[in-house]
Amino acid sequence: MILEPTPAGLHCVSGGFHIDPVAPVPVAVVTHGHADHALPGMDRYVCTPGTAAVLRRRLPEGAVVDELEYGTARAFGPVSVSLHPAGHVLGSAQVRLEDASGVTVVSGDYKRQPDPTCAPFELVRCDTFVTESTFALPIYRWPSPRRELDALHEWIEGNQRDGRPSVLLAYALGKAQRLIDALASRLGAPILVHGAVASMHAAYMEAGRRLPHVEPIDSALRGAATAGRVVLAPPSALGTPWMKRFPRASTALVSGWMRVRGRRRWRGVDRGFVISDHADWPALLDTIAATGARRVVTTHGYADVLARHLREQGLDAASLELPTLGSEA
């Protein structure tokens, strides 16, 4: 295997770089811009142009970000590295590594459902496939996105009839843009967005992904002015003073975690909608099989469960515990 686990994350010793490191290293190949994959403090970042647009908004000024287009190979010592669409969020990539020992692909986070706000997942055949396992339990099977979006819009219409704001809680990068793209044409007014969402919306536009107009929330927008409006904010906003500007608001969390009964009550929201930017159980299994990999390494989430299942199916599979700073879904 080309990669070795270290306290900082996956390390390609011969190539002199880490993939999605969680501690400062000289060279970080970054799969996408979520905070648990792209941390400040690296000497140099290598990523797609889409991810670079995100990092330039999230990293300190002066961070060295080296762009690598999808499908373009670059030599790092004896290792050839290329990035391929993961279908997760803007700029998300799988990392393909090739040397004399063969081809290894590190999936990063990925999804197989269509999403017009990012490049679709590209299947990359390999000898070793290092796959995420965030939702690697048989219970995690996503319903039709269209069905969930229809239910979400129906919930919004009910709130509008009652004069209530509809506060949607979704990750500022990826999920938020997916919802903006899907809902904007159904609404009579622009979606109101938290500052974190507004920043990522701008990153998408800078990267050439056209999205519907949104209205950033300023200090004057509160109370009666928000009645019947749709508000999009990161889950971290729930329970903060920021939420007080939306009296009588109904809240909903949009996440794959809403597939499990009780999660909604645990998170303290009124509704939950099952829309995820990760692969579900069937998609994980289908993708692993389609890569043709002779060896599979599972990481993050339910890695042990997935590896055990694959071994029961006759595959050479093992789980790998890597340092992590959390996850998004």
Protein backbone atom coordinates (compact mmCIF):
# COMPACT_ATOMS: atom_id res chain seq x y z
CA MET A 1 0.00 0.00 0.00
CA ILE A 2 1.32 3.46 -0.93
CA LEU A 3 -0.13 5.13 2.17
CA GLU A 4 0.70 4.81 5.86
CA PRO A 5 -1.44 5.97 8.81
CA THR A 6 0.18 8.57 11.07
CA PRO A 7 -1.09 10.81 13.89
CA ALA A 8 -1.53 13.54 11.26
CA GLY A 9 -3.48 11.28 8.88
CA LEU A 10 -2.74 9.26 5.75
CA HIS A 11 0.87 9.79 4.68
CA CYS A 12 2.44 8.98 1.33
CA VAL A 13 6.04 8.71 2.43
CA SER A 14 7.58 8.28 -1.03
CA GLY A 15 5.52 11.18 -2.40
CA GLY A 16 6.13 13.46 0.57
CA PHE A 17 2.52 14.46 1.25
CA HIS A 18 -0.48 13.71 3.47
CA ILE A 19 -4.13 13.41 2.45
CA ASP A 20 -6.61 15.46 4.52
CA PRO A 21 -4.20 15.80 7.47
CA VAL A 22 -5.48 16.93 10.88
CA ALA A 23 -2.16 18.43 12.01
CA PRO A 24 0.28 20.77 10.25
CA VAL A 25 2.37 19.07 7.54
CA PRO A 26 4.52 20.37 4.65
CA VAL A 27 2.15 19.24 1.85
CA ALA A 28 -1.57 18.49 2.23
CA VAL A 29 -3.55 16.99 -0.63
CA VAL A 30 -7.09 18.01 0.28
CA THR A 31 -10.17 16.14 -0.95
CA HIS A 32 -12.65 18.98 -0.27
CA GLY A 33 -13.23 22.13 1.74
CA HIS A 34 -15.20 20.93 4.78
CA ALA A 35 -13.50 21.94 8.00
CA ASP A 36 -12.83 18.35 9.09
CA HIS A 37 -10.81 17.74 5.91
CA ALA A 38 -9.13 21.09 5.25
CA LEU A 39 -7.50 22.55 8.34
CA PRO A 40 -5.36 25.67 8.64
CA GLY A 41 -1.63 25.43 9.31
CA MET A 42 -0.32 23.46 6.32
CA ASP A 43 2.70 24.78 4.44
CA ARG A 44 1.05 23.97 1.11
CA TYR A 45 -2.35 22.75 -0.03
CA VAL A 46 -3.00 20.81 -3.23
CA CYS A 47 -6.63 20.65 -4.36
CA THR A 48 -9.03 21.24 -7.23
CA PRO A 49 -9.89 24.80 -8.32
CA GLY A 50 -13.36 24.42 -6.78
CA THR A 51 -11.92 23.48 -3.42
CA ALA A 52 -9.37 26.28 -3.77
CA ALA A 53 -12.26 28.80 -4.03
CA VAL A 54 -13.55 27.49 -0.70
CA LEU A 55 -10.15 27.38 1.01
CA ARG A 56 -9.36 30.96 0.10
CA ARG A 57 -12.41 31.98 2.11
CA ARG A 58 -11.74 29.67 5.04
CA LEU A 59 -7.96 29.76 5.46
CA PRO A 60 -5.83 32.64 6.77
CA GLU A 61 -4.58 35.14 4.22
CA GLY A 62 -1.32 34.02 2.66
CA ALA A 63 -2.07 30.28 2.68
CA VAL A 64 -0.36 28.58 -0.27
CA VAL A 65 -3.01 26.82 -2.36
CA ASP A 66 -1.85 24.89 -5.41
CA GLU A 67 -4.65 24.04 -7.87
CA LEU A 68 -4.79 20.74 -9.73
CA GLU A 69 -7.51 20.26 -12.34
CA TYR A 70 -9.60 17.08 -12.37
CA GLY A 71 -7.85 14.27 -14.26
CA THR A 72 -4.46 16.01 -14.52
CA ALA A 73 -1.60 13.86 -13.22
CA ARG A 74 1.27 15.39 -11.26
CA ALA A 75 4.43 13.63 -10.09
CA PHE A 76 5.29 13.68 -6.41
CA GLY A 77 8.58 11.82 -6.47
CA PRO A 78 7.84 8.32 -7.83
CA VAL A 79 4.09 8.73 -7.22
CA SER A 80 1.70 10.01 -9.88
CA VAL A 81 -1.26 11.86 -8.29
CA SER A 82 -4.51 12.92 -9.94
CA LEU A 83 -7.84 14.17 -8.60
CA HIS A 84 -11.22 12.89 -9.77
CA PRO A 85 -14.79 14.07 -9.00
CA ALA A 86 -16.32 12.66 -5.81
CA GLY A 87 -19.81 14.18 -6.23
CA HIS A 88 -19.81 15.38 -2.62
CA VAL A 89 -19.62 19.21 -2.78
CA LEU A 90 -18.00 21.89 -4.94
CA GLY A 91 -14.52 20.73 -5.96
CA SER A 92 -14.65 17.47 -3.99
CA ALA A 93 -12.20 14.87 -5.21
CA GLN A 94 -11.02 11.33 -4.95
CA VAL A 95 -7.24 11.03 -4.89
CA ARG A 96 -5.70 8.54 -7.32
CA LEU A 97 -2.12 7.48 -6.59
CA GLU A 98 -0.03 5.29 -8.85
CA ASP A 99 3.49 3.94 -8.47
CA ALA A 100 5.28 0.68 -9.25
CA SER A 101 3.15 -1.16 -6.68
CA GLY A 102 -0.15 -0.32 -8.40
CA VAL A 103 -3.05 2.11 -8.11
CA THR A 104 -4.63 3.29 -4.87
CA VAL A 105 -7.69 5.55 -4.72
CA VAL A 106 -8.67 7.49 -1.60
CA SER A 107 -12.35 8.33 -1.93
CA GLY A 108 -12.67 11.27 0.44
CA ASP A 109 -16.39 11.86 1.08
CA TYR A 110 -18.59 11.00 -1.88
CA LYS A 111 -22.17 10.63 -3.03
CA ARG A 112 -23.72 8.91 -6.02
CA GLN A 113 -27.00 10.86 -6.28
CA PRO A 114 -27.24 13.53 -9.00
CA ASP A 115 -26.47 17.06 -7.81
CA PRO A 116 -26.31 19.93 -10.33
CA THR A 117 -24.23 22.07 -7.94
CA CYS A 118 -21.09 19.93 -8.21
CA ALA A 119 -19.32 17.59 -10.62
CA PRO A 120 -20.79 14.05 -10.55
CA PHE A 121 -18.91 11.12 -9.02
CA GLU A 122 -16.43 9.50 -11.39
CA LEU A 123 -15.71 5.80 -10.99
CA VAL A 124 -11.95 5.20 -10.84
CA ARG A 125 -10.76 1.62 -11.08
CA CYS A 126 -7.92 0.67 -8.77
CA ASP A 127 -6.07 -2.09 -6.93
CA THR A 128 -6.72 -0.63 -3.45
CA PHE A 129 -9.76 1.47 -2.58
CA VAL A 130 -9.74 3.54 0.61
CA THR A 131 -13.38 4.39 1.22
CA GLU A 132 -15.27 6.53 3.70
CA SER A 133 -17.85 4.69 5.85
CA THR A 134 -19.92 7.53 7.34
CA PHE A 135 -23.26 5.80 6.74
CA ALA A 136 -22.06 2.20 6.50
CA LEU A 137 -25.04 0.54 8.20
CA PRO A 138 -27.88 -1.23 6.32
CA ILE A 139 -30.43 1.15 7.88
CA TYR A 140 -28.98 4.05 5.91
CA ARG A 141 -30.79 3.88 2.57
CA TRP A 142 -31.72 7.26 1.13
CA PRO A 143 -35.24 7.98 -0.04
CA SER A 144 -35.79 9.76 -3.34
CA PRO A 145 -34.37 13.31 -3.10
CA ARG A 146 -37.35 14.56 -5.09
CA ARG A 147 -39.74 13.04 -2.55
CA GLU A 148 -37.90 14.63 0.35
CA LEU A 149 -37.77 18.00 -1.41
CA ASP A 150 -41.51 17.84 -2.10
CA ALA A 151 -42.15 17.09 1.58
CA LEU A 152 -39.83 19.92 2.56
CA HIS A 153 -41.67 22.38 0.31
CA GLU A 154 -45.02 21.24 1.70
CA TRP A 155 -43.69 21.91 5.23
CA ILE A 156 -42.54 25.38 4.16
CA GLU A 157 -45.97 26.16 2.67
CA GLY A 158 -47.64 25.16 5.93
CA ASN A 159 -45.36 27.50 7.85
CA GLN A 160 -46.08 30.31 5.41
CA ARG A 161 -49.82 29.90 5.92
CA ASP A 162 -49.19 30.25 9.66
CA GLY A 163 -46.91 33.27 9.18
CA ARG A 164 -43.89 31.39 10.55
CA PRO A 165 -40.31 31.54 9.28
CA SER A 166 -38.96 28.16 8.11
CA VAL A 167 -35.40 27.75 9.39
CA LEU A 168 -33.54 25.02 7.50
CA LEU A 169 -30.37 23.79 9.20
CA ALA A 170 -27.87 22.38 6.73
CA TYR A 171 -24.11 22.48 6.24
CA ALA A 172 -22.99 25.80 4.78
CA LEU A 173 -20.84 24.09 2.15
CA GLY A 174 -22.60 21.69 -0.19
CA LYS A 175 -25.96 20.92 1.39
CA ALA A 176 -26.94 24.59 1.55
CA GLN A 177 -26.21 25.16 -2.15
CA ARG A 178 -28.06 22.00 -3.08
CA LEU A 179 -31.15 23.27 -1.23
CA ILE A 180 -30.87 26.77 -2.70
CA ASP A 181 -30.71 25.31 -6.21
CA ALA A 182 -33.67 22.97 -5.60
CA LEU A 183 -36.00 25.30 -3.69
CA ALA A 184 -35.47 28.83 -5.03
CA SER A 185 -37.74 28.46 -8.06
CA ARG A 186 -40.62 27.30 -5.82
CA LEU A 187 -40.47 30.32 -3.50
CA GLY A 188 -41.84 33.81 -3.93
CA ALA A 189 -38.87 35.53 -2.28
CA PRO A 190 -35.11 34.92 -2.09
CA ILE A 191 -33.90 32.53 0.59
CA LEU A 192 -32.45 34.32 3.62
CA VAL A 193 -28.99 33.02 4.47
CA HIS A 194 -26.67 33.02 7.48
CA GLY A 195 -23.26 34.63 6.92
CA ALA A 196 -21.52 31.24 6.70
CA VAL A 197 -23.88 30.17 3.92
CA ALA A 198 -23.47 33.52 2.13
CA SER A 199 -19.68 33.06 2.10
CA MET A 200 -19.86 29.59 0.58
CA HIS A 201 -22.52 30.77 -1.90
CA ALA A 202 -20.00 33.38 -3.08
CA ALA A 203 -17.29 30.71 -3.39
CA TYR A 204 -19.54 28.65 -5.68
CA MET A 205 -20.21 31.68 -7.85
CA GLU A 206 -16.49 32.51 -8.03
CA ALA A 207 -15.82 28.93 -9.13
CA GLY A 208 -18.32 29.29 -11.99
CA ARG A 209 -21.28 27.45 -10.45
CA ARG A 210 -24.30 29.65 -11.08
CA LEU A 211 -26.83 29.59 -8.25
CA PRO A 212 -30.09 31.45 -7.55
CA HIS A 213 -29.91 34.80 -5.78
CA VAL A 214 -30.00 34.72 -1.97
CA GLU A 215 -30.40 37.46 0.63
CA PRO A 216 -27.77 37.61 3.39
CA ILE A 217 -29.27 38.34 6.80
CA ASP A 218 -28.19 41.67 8.29
CA SER A 219 -28.75 43.09 11.76
CA ALA A 220 -31.92 44.89 10.70
CA LEU A 221 -33.69 41.76 9.45
CA ARG A 222 -35.65 40.31 12.35
CA GLY A 223 -39.10 39.81 13.82
CA ALA A 224 -42.13 40.46 11.61
CA ALA A 225 -39.93 40.99 8.55
CA THR A 226 -39.03 37.28 8.60
CA ALA A 227 -42.62 35.94 8.76
CA GLY A 228 -43.15 33.29 6.10
CA ARG A 229 -39.57 33.49 4.85
CA VAL A 230 -37.22 30.58 4.32
CA VAL A 231 -33.97 30.84 6.28
CA LEU A 232 -30.89 28.70 5.64
CA ALA A 233 -28.28 28.37 8.39
CA PRO A 234 -25.63 25.89 9.57
CA PRO A 235 -26.69 23.44 12.33
CA SER A 236 -24.34 25.24 14.74
CA ALA A 237 -26.73 28.22 14.71
CA LEU A 238 -29.42 26.26 16.55
CA GLY A 239 -29.77 27.40 20.17
CA THR A 240 -27.65 30.53 19.71
CA PRO A 241 -28.78 34.15 20.22
CA TRP A 242 -28.78 34.51 16.41
CA MET A 243 -31.97 32.42 16.28
CA LYS A 244 -33.88 34.93 18.41
CA ARG A 245 -34.39 37.15 15.38
CA PHE A 246 -36.88 34.57 14.04
CA PRO A 247 -39.79 34.49 16.52
CA ARG A 248 -42.23 31.58 16.16
CA ALA A 249 -39.87 29.89 13.70
CA SER A 250 -40.28 26.26 12.73
CA THR A 251 -36.96 24.43 12.45
CA ALA A 252 -35.84 21.49 10.34
CA LEU A 253 -32.53 19.65 10.06
CA VAL A 254 -31.62 18.38 6.59
CA SER A 255 -29.23 15.46 7.01
CA GLY A 256 -28.73 11.77 6.43
CA TRP A 257 -28.78 11.36 10.20
CA MET A 258 -32.53 12.08 10.08
CA ARG A 259 -32.97 8.55 8.69
CA VAL A 260 -32.93 7.25 12.28
CA ARG A 261 -36.03 7.82 14.40
CA GLY A 262 -35.31 9.88 17.49
CA ARG A 263 -32.47 11.89 15.95
CA ARG A 264 -34.82 14.80 15.34
CA ARG A 265 -35.84 14.96 19.00
CA TRP A 266 -32.22 14.58 20.06
CA ARG A 267 -31.22 17.59 17.94
CA GLY A 268 -34.18 19.65 19.18
CA VAL A 269 -35.76 20.49 15.81
CA ASP A 270 -39.37 20.30 14.65
CA ARG A 271 -38.77 18.28 11.48
CA GLY A 272 -36.09 16.23 9.82
CA PHE A 273 -35.54 15.63 6.11
CA VAL A 274 -33.30 12.84 4.81
CA ILE A 275 -31.05 14.44 2.22
CA SER A 276 -27.36 13.56 2.46
CA ASP A 277 -24.20 14.41 0.57
CA HIS A 278 -22.70 11.01 1.40
CA ALA A 279 -23.15 7.55 -0.10
CA ASP A 280 -25.70 5.34 1.64
CA TRP A 281 -25.21 1.64 2.36
CA PRO A 282 -26.21 0.34 -1.11
CA ALA A 283 -24.14 3.03 -2.86
CA LEU A 284 -21.08 2.20 -0.77
CA LEU A 285 -21.32 -1.49 -1.70
CA ASP A 286 -22.01 -0.77 -5.38
CA THR A 287 -19.09 1.64 -5.61
CA ILE A 288 -16.64 -0.71 -3.91
CA ALA A 289 -17.59 -3.52 -6.29
CA ALA A 290 -17.38 -1.29 -9.37
CA THR A 291 -13.83 -0.12 -8.61
CA GLY A 292 -12.57 -3.67 -9.11
CA ALA A 293 -10.27 -3.21 -6.13
CA ARG A 294 -8.53 -6.33 -4.85
CA ARG A 295 -8.17 -4.71 -1.42
CA VAL A 296 -10.53 -2.35 0.38
CA VAL A 297 -9.63 -0.16 3.35
CA THR A 298 -12.52 1.45 5.24
CA THR A 299 -12.15 4.68 7.23
CA HIS A 300 -14.30 7.14 9.20
CA GLY A 301 -17.76 6.29 10.53
CA TYR A 302 -18.81 2.64 10.66
CA ALA A 303 -15.54 1.39 9.20
CA ASP A 304 -15.44 -1.83 11.22
CA VAL A 305 -18.99 -2.78 10.19
CA LEU A 306 -18.29 -2.23 6.51
CA ALA A 307 -14.96 -4.07 6.56
CA ARG A 308 -16.51 -7.06 8.32
CA HIS A 309 -19.36 -7.21 5.81
CA LEU A 310 -16.91 -7.09 2.89
CA ARG A 311 -14.81 -9.89 4.39
CA GLU A 312 -17.95 -11.99 4.73
CA GLN A 313 -18.45 -11.47 1.00
CA GLY A 314 -14.95 -12.80 0.33
CA LEU A 315 -13.10 -9.52 -0.16
CA ASP A 316 -9.74 -8.58 1.31
CA ALA A 317 -10.90 -5.74 3.56
CA ALA A 318 -9.70 -4.03 6.72
CA SER A 319 -10.72 -0.97 8.70
CA LEU A 320 -8.25 1.79 9.43
CA GLU A 321 -8.64 4.16 12.38
CA LEU A 322 -7.56 7.66 11.41
CA PRO A 323 -7.51 10.82 13.51
CA THR A 324 -10.63 12.92 12.95
CA LEU A 325 -12.08 16.24 14.03
CA GLY A 326 -15.73 15.35 13.45
CA SER A 327 -17.91 14.84 10.42
CA GLU A 328 -20.68 16.32 8.33
CA ALA A 329 -23.54 14.62 6.57
